[in-house]
Protein backbone atom coordinates (compact mmCIF):
# COMPACT_ATOMS: atom_id res chain seq x y z
CA MET A 1 71.95 77.17 221.71
CA LEU A 2 69.64 79.27 223.71
CA ASP A 3 66.78 78.40 221.30
CA SER A 4 67.47 74.64 221.86
CA LEU A 5 67.36 75.11 225.62
CA ILE A 6 64.24 76.94 225.48
CA ALA A 7 62.71 74.28 223.17
CA ILE A 8 63.78 71.52 225.74
CA GLN A 9 62.41 73.33 228.57
CA LEU A 10 58.98 73.90 226.81
CA THR A 11 58.98 70.44 225.81
CA ILE A 12 59.54 69.17 229.49
CA ASN A 13 56.79 71.46 230.55
CA ASN A 14 54.38 69.90 228.04
CA VAL A 15 55.30 66.41 229.01
CA LEU A 16 54.94 67.08 232.81
CA GLU A 17 51.51 68.82 232.17
CA THR A 18 50.44 65.80 229.98
CA LEU A 19 51.28 63.32 232.81
CA GLY A 20 49.23 65.57 235.21
CA GLY A 21 52.23 66.99 236.95
CA ALA A 22 53.17 70.73 237.55
CA GLU A 23 55.35 72.71 235.16
CA ASP A 24 59.00 72.83 236.11
CA ASN A 25 59.92 76.19 234.65
CA ASN A 26 63.22 76.11 236.46
CA PHE A 27 64.54 72.83 235.34
CA LEU A 28 67.07 74.30 232.95
CA ASN A 29 67.03 77.94 234.43
CA GLU A 30 70.75 77.82 235.46
CA GLU A 31 71.87 76.59 231.96
CA ILE A 32 69.62 79.13 230.14
CA THR A 33 70.94 81.98 232.27
CA LYS A 34 74.55 80.94 231.52
CA ILE A 35 73.78 81.07 227.65
CA GLU A 36 72.09 84.42 228.13
CA PHE A 37 75.23 85.71 229.89
CA LEU A 38 77.41 84.12 227.10
CA SER A 39 75.29 85.66 224.43
CA VAL A 40 75.96 89.23 225.85
CA LYS A 41 79.59 88.36 226.03
CA ALA A 42 79.59 87.39 222.53
CA PHE A 43 78.52 90.97 221.58
CA GLY A 44 81.34 92.30 223.65
CA GLY A 45 79.58 92.76 226.94
CA ASN A 46 80.43 92.19 230.48
CA GLU A 47 78.56 91.06 233.68
CA GLY A 48 77.14 94.57 234.24
CA HIS A 49 75.74 94.82 230.93
CA PHE A 50 74.10 91.34 231.44
CA THR A 51 72.77 92.44 234.82
CA HIS A 52 71.28 95.38 233.04
CA ILE A 53 69.67 93.50 230.36
CA GLU A 54 68.48 90.80 232.78
CA SER A 55 66.66 93.39 234.76
CA THR A 56 64.27 94.01 231.82
CA ASP A 57 61.72 91.73 230.36
CA LEU A 58 63.57 91.18 227.18
CA PHE A 59 65.06 87.71 227.80
CA TYR A 60 61.59 86.63 229.13
CA ASN A 61 59.78 87.96 226.01
CA TYR A 62 62.30 86.14 223.81
CA GLU A 63 62.10 82.91 225.66
CA TYR A 64 58.31 82.51 226.87
CA ARG A 65 56.31 84.79 224.81
CA GLU A 66 55.52 84.33 221.17
CA ILE A 67 56.48 87.80 219.99
CA PRO A 68 57.98 87.70 216.42
CA GLU A 69 60.14 90.57 216.91
CA ALA A 70 61.44 89.64 220.37
CA LYS A 71 64.74 88.22 219.17
CA GLU A 72 65.63 91.29 217.09
CA GLU A 73 64.59 93.45 219.89
CA LEU A 74 66.71 91.65 222.32
CA ILE A 75 69.93 91.81 220.00
CA GLU A 76 69.36 95.49 219.44
CA TYR A 77 69.05 96.15 223.13
CA ILE A 78 72.15 94.14 223.85
CA LYS A 79 74.09 96.36 221.31
CA SER A 80 72.70 99.63 222.68
CA THR A 81 73.37 98.44 226.30
CA ILE A 82 77.26 97.70 225.37
CA GLU A 83 77.54 100.79 223.24
CA ASN A 84 76.04 103.01 226.08
CA ASP A 85 77.77 101.06 228.87
CA TRP A 86 74.59 100.59 230.83
CA THR A 87 75.39 98.52 233.76
CA HIS A 88 72.59 99.48 236.30
CA GLU A 89 69.33 97.57 236.86
CA VAL A 90 66.45 98.94 235.22
CA GLY A 91 63.97 100.32 237.94
CA MET A 92 60.20 100.25 237.61
CA ILE A 93 58.51 103.59 236.79
CA PHE A 94 54.90 104.24 237.88
CA VAL A 95 53.04 106.79 235.84
CA ARG A 96 49.98 108.25 237.49
CA GLY A 97 47.29 109.58 235.19
């Protein structure tokens, strides 16, 4: 279902661009977020697990970047998050070199 919504969103963006309008990246955002949450729940997760995963770039990579391994990486991270009961948001870490 998530794949279908993403495909529809990308099609809408292409049509809008072709017609000279601005992309509407948020048109199906609420529906996509609900499906993401349900995907986490399907693996046995809860709202805290979803919050943790959503604070990473994994859903974004899966939805909007053409990274072949993004789906497998997302699924493995969902499983790890639930197994380790990670519920906090992932913070940004800056490394100075």
